Amino acid sequence: MKKKTRADYYKENPESYAKKKKYDSKLEKRTDLAKKRVELNAYNRKKKTYGNGDGLDAIHKGKKIVGYAKAS
């Protein structure tokens, strides 16, 4: 039997999906997280890994960029 994915769950539970979308939109507006995203995207572009399809994203540990991890 195939394991259900998160997408399957949200297809079956539209109320939960609406709640998640509302939470995600709030989260995306946080200025501290937006600043982190901008910084990581700039780092990825500088290292020529932005958009190359390698499946890796730059990551923070504390306040420093420490390397790459598998993209979510």
PDB file of N, CA and C in Angstrom:
ATOM      1  N   MET A   1       0.837  -1.185   0.000  1.00  0.00           N
ATOM      2  CA  MET A   1       0.000   0.000   0.000  1.00  0.00           C
ATOM      3  C   MET A   1       0.883   1.250   0.000  1.00  0.00           C
ATOM      4  N   LYS A   2       0.530   2.201  -0.845  1.00  0.00           N
ATOM      5  CA  LYS A   2       1.303   3.428  -0.968  1.00  0.00           C
ATOM      6  C   LYS A   2       1.075   4.328   0.252  1.00  0.00           C
ATOM      7  N   LYS A   3       2.163   4.876   0.759  1.00  0.00           N
ATOM      8  CA  LYS A   3       2.076   5.788   1.893  1.00  0.00           C
ATOM      9  C   LYS A   3       1.479   7.121   1.435  1.00  0.00           C
ATOM     10  N   LYS A   4       0.572   7.674   2.230  1.00  0.00           N
ATOM     11  CA  LYS A   4      -0.047   8.948   1.879  1.00  0.00           C
ATOM     12  C   LYS A   4       0.944  10.089   2.054  1.00  0.00           C
ATOM     13  N   THR A   5       0.870  11.024   1.145  1.00  0.00           N
ATOM     14  CA  THR A   5       1.724  12.199   1.223  1.00  0.00           C
ATOM     15  C   THR A   5       0.960  13.344   1.880  1.00  0.00           C
ATOM     16  N   ARG A   6       1.684  14.388   2.172  1.00  0.00           N
ATOM     17  CA  ARG A   6       1.069  15.583   2.743  1.00  0.00           C
ATOM     18  C   ARG A   6       0.066  16.170   1.749  1.00  0.00           C
ATOM     19  N   ALA A   7       0.411  16.126   0.466  1.00  0.00           N
ATOM     20  CA  ALA A   7      -0.494  16.641  -0.567  1.00  0.00           C
ATOM     21  C   ALA A   7      -1.801  15.856  -0.582  1.00  0.00           C
ATOM     22  N   ASP A   8      -1.709  14.534  -0.425  1.00  0.00           N
ATOM     23  CA  ASP A   8      -2.917  13.700  -0.375  1.00  0.00           C
ATOM     24  C   ASP A   8      -3.803  14.106   0.803  1.00  0.00           C
ATOM     25  N   TYR A   9      -3.176  14.346   1.948  1.00  0.00           N
ATOM     26  CA  TYR A   9      -3.926  14.738   3.141  1.00  0.00           C
ATOM     27  C   TYR A   9      -4.698  16.032   2.884  1.00  0.00           C
ATOM     28  N   TYR A  10      -4.015  17.035   2.301  1.00  0.00           N
ATOM     29  CA  TYR A  10      -4.667  18.315   2.073  1.00  0.00           C
ATOM     30  C   TYR A  10      -5.734  18.239   0.990  1.00  0.00           C
ATOM     31  N   LYS A  11      -5.596  17.328   0.029  1.00  0.00           N
ATOM     32  CA  LYS A  11      -6.658  17.130  -0.968  1.00  0.00           C
ATOM     33  C   LYS A  11      -7.917  16.589  -0.307  1.00  0.00           C
ATOM     34  N   GLU A  12      -7.736  15.724   0.676  1.00  0.00           N
ATOM     35  CA  GLU A  12      -8.865  15.112   1.374  1.00  0.00           C
ATOM     36  C   GLU A  12      -9.454  16.011   2.462  1.00  0.00           C
ATOM     37  N   ASN A  13      -8.691  17.011   2.906  1.00  0.00           N
ATOM     38  CA  ASN A  13      -9.116  17.883   4.005  1.00  0.00           C
ATOM     39  C   ASN A  13      -8.966  19.357   3.618  1.00  0.00           C
ATOM     40  N   PRO A  14      -9.887  19.883   2.820  1.00  0.00           N
ATOM     41  CA  PRO A  14      -9.758  21.264   2.352  1.00  0.00           C
ATOM     42  C   PRO A  14      -9.777  22.303   3.476  1.00  0.00           C
ATOM     43  N   GLU A  15     -10.446  21.999   4.588  1.00  0.00           N
ATOM     44  CA  GLU A  15     -10.452  22.945   5.712  1.00  0.00           C
ATOM     45  C   GLU A  15      -9.047  23.077   6.293  1.00  0.00           C
ATOM     46  N   SER A  16      -8.358  21.966   6.408  1.00  0.00           N
ATOM     47  CA  SER A  16      -6.990  21.980   6.921  1.00  0.00           C
ATOM     48  C   SER A  16      -6.067  22.716   5.960  1.00  0.00           C
ATOM     49  N   TYR A  17      -6.304  22.539   4.665  1.00  0.00           N
ATOM     50  CA  TYR A  17      -5.478  23.210   3.664  1.00  0.00           C
ATOM     51  C   TYR A  17      -5.673  24.722   3.749  1.00  0.00           C
ATOM     52  N   ALA A  18      -6.913  25.159   3.938  1.00  0.00           N
ATOM     53  CA  ALA A  18      -7.191  26.591   4.067  1.00  0.00           C
ATOM     54  C   ALA A  18      -6.492  27.159   5.302  1.00  0.00           C
ATOM     55  N   LYS A  19      -6.531  26.411   6.401  1.00  0.00           N
ATOM     56  CA  LYS A  19      -5.867  26.834   7.635  1.00  0.00           C
ATOM     57  C   LYS A  19      -4.356  26.923   7.427  1.00  0.00           C
ATOM     58  N   LYS A  20      -3.788  25.954   6.716  1.00  0.00           N
ATOM     59  CA  LYS A  20      -2.351  25.935   6.434  1.00  0.00           C
ATOM     60  C   LYS A  20      -1.954  27.125   5.559  1.00  0.00           C
ATOM     61  N   LYS A  21      -2.759  27.419   4.534  1.00  0.00           N
ATOM     62  CA  LYS A  21      -2.464  28.545   3.651  1.00  0.00           C
ATOM     63  C   LYS A  21      -2.459  29.856   4.424  1.00  0.00           C
ATOM     64  N   LYS A  22      -3.404  30.005   5.345  1.00  0.00           N
ATOM     65  CA  LYS A  22      -3.483  31.216   6.157  1.00  0.00           C
ATOM     66  C   LYS A  22      -2.231  31.347   7.031  1.00  0.00           C
ATOM     67  N   TYR A  23      -1.822  30.243   7.656  1.00  0.00           N
ATOM     68  CA  TYR A  23      -0.627  30.242   8.495  1.00  0.00           C
ATOM     69  C   TYR A  23       0.616  30.541   7.656  1.00  0.00           C
ATOM     70  N   ASP A  24       0.734  29.892   6.496  1.00  0.00           N
ATOM     71  CA  ASP A  24       1.901  30.084   5.636  1.00  0.00           C
ATOM     72  C   ASP A  24       2.024  31.527   5.160  1.00  0.00           C
ATOM     73  N   SER A  25       0.896  32.155   4.834  1.00  0.00           N
ATOM     74  CA  SER A  25       0.956  33.533   4.365  1.00  0.00           C
ATOM     75  C   SER A  25       1.427  34.461   5.481  1.00  0.00           C
ATOM     76  N   LYS A  26       1.016  34.186   6.720  1.00  0.00           N
ATOM     77  CA  LYS A  26       1.508  34.961   7.865  1.00  0.00           C
ATOM     78  C   LYS A  26       3.011  34.768   8.036  1.00  0.00           C
ATOM     79  N   LEU A  27       3.442  33.530   7.919  1.00  0.00           N
ATOM     80  CA  LEU A  27       4.847  33.192   8.103  1.00  0.00           C
ATOM     81  C   LEU A  27       5.718  33.866   7.045  1.00  0.00           C
ATOM     82  N   GLU A  28       5.254  33.886   5.805  1.00  0.00           N
ATOM     83  CA  GLU A  28       6.015  34.480   4.709  1.00  0.00           C
ATOM     84  C   GLU A  28       6.181  35.985   4.865  1.00  0.00           C
ATOM     85  N   LYS A  29       5.288  36.626   5.612  1.00  0.00           N
ATOM     86  CA  LYS A  29       5.348  38.073   5.797  1.00  0.00           C
ATOM     87  C   LYS A  29       6.337  38.497   6.878  1.00  0.00           C
ATOM     88  N   ARG A  30       6.830  37.552   7.667  1.00  0.00           N
ATOM     89  CA  ARG A  30       7.749  37.908   8.750  1.00  0.00           C
ATOM     90  C   ARG A  30       9.044  38.470   8.175  1.00  0.00           C
ATOM     91  N   THR A  31       9.407  39.665   8.612  1.00  0.00           N
ATOM     92  CA  THR A  31      10.568  40.339   8.041  1.00  0.00           C
ATOM     93  C   THR A  31      11.871  39.626   8.368  1.00  0.00           C
ATOM     94  N   ASP A  32      11.963  39.011   9.549  1.00  0.00           N
ATOM     95  CA  ASP A  32      13.199  38.314   9.897  1.00  0.00           C
ATOM     96  C   ASP A  32      13.420  37.108   8.983  1.00  0.00           C
ATOM     97  N   LEU A  33      12.353  36.410   8.637  1.00  0.00           N
ATOM     98  CA  LEU A  33      12.481  35.257   7.748  1.00  0.00           C
ATOM     99  C   LEU A  33      12.706  35.696   6.305  1.00  0.00           C
ATOM    100  N   ALA A  34      12.096  36.811   5.914  1.00  0.00           N
ATOM    101  CA  ALA A  34      12.297  37.330   4.559  1.00  0.00           C
ATOM    102  C   ALA A  34      13.758  37.725   4.371  1.00  0.00           C
ATOM    103  N   LYS A  35      14.337  38.347   5.385  1.00  0.00           N
ATOM    104  CA  LYS A  35      15.740  38.756   5.313  1.00  0.00           C
ATOM    105  C   LYS A  35      16.644  37.530   5.150  1.00  0.00           C
ATOM    106  N   LYS A  36      16.330  36.454   5.879  1.00  0.00           N
ATOM    107  CA  LYS A  36      17.099  35.213   5.763  1.00  0.00           C
ATOM    108  C   LYS A  36      17.006  34.634   4.358  1.00  0.00           C
ATOM    109  N   ARG A  37      15.783  34.626   3.795  1.00  0.00           N
ATOM    110  CA  ARG A  37      15.589  34.097   2.441  1.00  0.00           C
ATOM    111  C   ARG A  37      16.389  34.890   1.422  1.00  0.00           C
ATOM    112  N   VAL A  38      16.375  36.213   1.554  1.00  0.00           N
ATOM    113  CA  VAL A  38      17.119  37.073   0.639  1.00  0.00           C
ATOM    114  C   VAL A  38      18.608  36.766   0.737  1.00  0.00           C
ATOM    115  N   GLU A  39      19.096  36.634   1.955  1.00  0.00           N
ATOM    116  CA  GLU A  39      20.511  36.345   2.180  1.00  0.00           C
ATOM    117  C   GLU A  39      20.908  34.989   1.590  1.00  0.00           C
ATOM    118  N   LEU A  40      20.076  33.977   1.806  1.00  0.00           N
ATOM    119  CA  LEU A  40      20.383  32.645   1.286  1.00  0.00           C
ATOM    120  C   LEU A  40      20.307  32.603  -0.236  1.00  0.00           C
ATOM    121  N   ASN A  41      19.338  33.304  -0.824  1.00  0.00           N
ATOM    122  CA  ASN A  41      19.245  33.352  -2.283  1.00  0.00           C
ATOM    123  C   ASN A  41      20.458  34.039  -2.886  1.00  0.00           C
ATOM    124  N   ALA A  42      20.913  35.124  -2.260  1.00  0.00           N
ATOM    125  CA  ALA A  42      22.100  35.823  -2.742  1.00  0.00           C
ATOM    126  C   ALA A  42      23.321  34.908  -2.663  1.00  0.00           C
ATOM    127  N   TYR A  43      23.433  34.162  -1.576  1.00  0.00           N
ATOM    128  CA  TYR A  43      24.544  33.221  -1.412  1.00  0.00           C
ATOM    129  C   TYR A  43      24.500  32.143  -2.492  1.00  0.00           C
ATOM    130  N   ASN A  44      23.304  31.598  -2.740  1.00  0.00           N
ATOM    131  CA  ASN A  44      23.151  30.572  -3.774  1.00  0.00           C
ATOM    132  C   ASN A  44      23.515  31.112  -5.155  1.00  0.00           C
ATOM    133  N   ARG A  45      23.127  32.345  -5.445  1.00  0.00           N
ATOM    134  CA  ARG A  45      23.468  32.942  -6.745  1.00  0.00           C
ATOM    135  C   ARG A  45      24.975  33.143  -6.865  1.00  0.00           C
ATOM    136  N   LYS A  46      25.583  33.613  -5.789  1.00  0.00           N
ATOM    137  CA  LYS A  46      27.029  33.853  -5.793  1.00  0.00           C
ATOM    138  C   LYS A  46      27.798  32.551  -6.031  1.00  0.00           C
ATOM    139  N   LYS A  47      27.323  31.454  -5.439  1.00  0.00           N
ATOM    140  CA  LYS A  47      27.992  30.158  -5.572  1.00  0.00           C
ATOM    141  C   LYS A  47      27.524  29.390  -6.816  1.00  0.00           C
ATOM    142  N   LYS A  48      26.702  30.044  -7.641  1.00  0.00           N
ATOM    143  CA  LYS A  48      26.201  29.472  -8.902  1.00  0.00           C
ATOM    144  C   LYS A  48      25.402  28.186  -8.704  1.00  0.00           C
ATOM    145  N   THR A  49      24.699  28.086  -7.591  1.00  0.00           N
ATOM    146  CA  THR A  49      23.870  26.916  -7.353  1.00  0.00           C
ATOM    147  C   THR A  49      22.386  27.258  -7.389  1.00  0.00           C
ATOM    148  N   TYR A  50      22.056  28.545  -7.565  1.00  0.00           N
ATOM    149  CA  TYR A  50      20.660  28.967  -7.611  1.00  0.00           C
ATOM    150  C   TYR A  50      20.047  28.552  -8.944  1.00  0.00           C
ATOM    151  N   GLY A  51      19.029  27.697  -8.896  1.00  0.00           N
ATOM    152  CA  GLY A  51      18.308  27.303 -10.098  1.00  0.00           C
ATOM    153  C   GLY A  51      19.012  26.317 -11.003  1.00  0.00           C
ATOM    154  N   ASN A  52      20.064  25.659 -10.518  1.00  0.00           N
ATOM    155  CA  ASN A  52      20.770  24.718 -11.386  1.00  0.00           C
ATOM    156  C   ASN A  52      20.238  23.296 -11.272  1.00  0.00           C
ATOM    157  N   GLY A  53      19.250  23.075 -10.414  1.00  0.00           N
ATOM    158  CA  GLY A  53      18.613  21.768 -10.318  1.00  0.00           C
ATOM    159  C   GLY A  53      19.393  20.733  -9.533  1.00  0.00           C
ATOM    160  N   ASP A  54      20.365  21.152  -8.723  1.00  0.00           N
ATOM    161  CA  ASP A  54      21.150  20.182  -7.951  1.00  0.00           C
ATOM    162  C   ASP A  54      20.418  19.684  -6.708  1.00  0.00           C
ATOM    163  N   GLY A  55      19.288  20.310  -6.369  1.00  0.00           N
ATOM    164  CA  GLY A  55      18.489  19.863  -5.228  1.00  0.00           C
ATOM    165  C   GLY A  55      19.036  20.301  -3.886  1.00  0.00           C
ATOM    166  N   LEU A  56      19.947  21.265  -3.869  1.00  0.00           N
ATOM    167  CA  LEU A  56      20.537  21.733  -2.619  1.00  0.00           C
ATOM    168  C   LEU A  56      20.200  23.198  -2.374  1.00  0.00           C
ATOM    169  N   ASP A  57      20.050  23.554  -1.103  1.00  0.00           N
ATOM    170  CA  ASP A  57      19.824  24.929  -0.685  1.00  0.00           C
ATOM    171  C   ASP A  57      20.823  25.277   0.407  1.00  0.00           C
ATOM    172  N   ALA A  58      21.252  26.538   0.426  1.00  0.00           N
ATOM    173  CA  ALA A  58      22.133  27.008   1.485  1.00  0.00           C
ATOM    174  C   ALA A  58      21.365  27.005   2.805  1.00  0.00           C
ATOM    175  N   ILE A  59      22.077  26.738   3.910  1.00  0.00           N
ATOM    176  CA  ILE A  59      21.426  26.690   5.217  1.00  0.00           C
ATOM    177  C   ILE A  59      22.171  27.555   6.230  1.00  0.00           C
ATOM    178  N   HIS A  60      21.422  28.034   7.220  1.00  0.00           N
ATOM    179  CA  HIS A  60      21.971  28.791   8.343  1.00  0.00           C
ATOM    180  C   HIS A  60      22.179  27.874   9.532  1.00  0.00           C
ATOM    181  N   LYS A  61      23.173  28.153  10.310  1.00  0.00           N
ATOM    182  CA  LYS A  61      23.316  27.571  11.637  1.00  0.00           C
ATOM    183  C   LYS A  61      23.677  28.761  12.514  1.00  0.00           C
ATOM    184  N   GLY A  62      22.756  29.133  13.371  1.00  0.00           N
ATOM    185  CA  GLY A  62      22.939  30.372  14.111  1.00  0.00           C
ATOM    186  C   GLY A  62      22.741  31.527  13.150  1.00  0.00           C
ATOM    187  N   LYS A  63      23.714  32.405  13.066  1.00  0.00           N
ATOM    188  CA  LYS A  63      23.601  33.540  12.151  1.00  0.00           C
ATOM    189  C   LYS A  63      24.546  33.419  10.969  1.00  0.00           C
ATOM    190  N   LYS A  64      25.147  32.248  10.782  1.00  0.00           N
ATOM    191  CA  LYS A  64      26.096  32.050   9.689  1.00  0.00           C
ATOM    192  C   LYS A  64      25.552  31.058   8.674  1.00  0.00           C
ATOM    193  N   ILE A  65      25.919  31.264   7.415  1.00  0.00           N
ATOM    194  CA  ILE A  65      25.605  30.289   6.379  1.00  0.00           C
ATOM    195  C   ILE A  65      26.700  29.232   6.455  1.00  0.00           C
ATOM    196  N   VAL A  66      26.289  27.982   6.657  1.00  0.00           N
ATOM    197  CA  VAL A  66      27.279  26.938   6.913  1.00  0.00           C
ATOM    198  C   VAL A  66      27.438  25.937   5.780  1.00  0.00           C
ATOM    199  N   GLY A  67      26.579  25.968   4.801  1.00  0.00           N
ATOM    200  CA  GLY A  67      26.727  25.017   3.710  1.00  0.00           C
ATOM    201  C   GLY A  67      25.408  24.745   3.037  1.00  0.00           C
ATOM    202  N   TYR A  68      25.260  23.513   2.589  1.00  0.00           N
ATOM    203  CA  TYR A  68      24.078  23.141   1.817  1.00  0.00           C
ATOM    204  C   TYR A  68      23.383  21.934   2.426  1.00  0.00           C
ATOM    205  N   ALA A  69      22.077  21.876   2.204  1.00  0.00           N
ATOM    206  CA  ALA A  69      21.265  20.736   2.618  1.00  0.00           C
ATOM    207  C   ALA A  69      20.287  20.447   1.494  1.00  0.00           C
ATOM    208  N   LYS A  70      19.748  19.244   1.506  1.00  0.00           N
ATOM    209  CA  LYS A  70      18.765  18.863   0.497  1.00  0.00           C
ATOM    210  C   LYS A  70      17.579  19.819   0.561  1.00  0.00           C
ATOM    211  N   ALA A  71      17.169  20.317  -0.587  1.00  0.00           N
ATOM    212  CA  ALA A  71      16.042  21.244  -0.655  1.00  0.00           C
ATOM    213  C   ALA A  71      14.757  20.546  -0.250  1.00  0.00           C
ATOM    214  N   SER A  72      13.890  21.286   0.416  1.00  0.00           N
ATOM    215  CA  SER A  72      12.615  20.696   0.840  1.00  0.00           C
ATOM    216  C   SER A  72      11.577  20.836  -0.244  1.00  0.00           C
TER     217      SER A  72
END
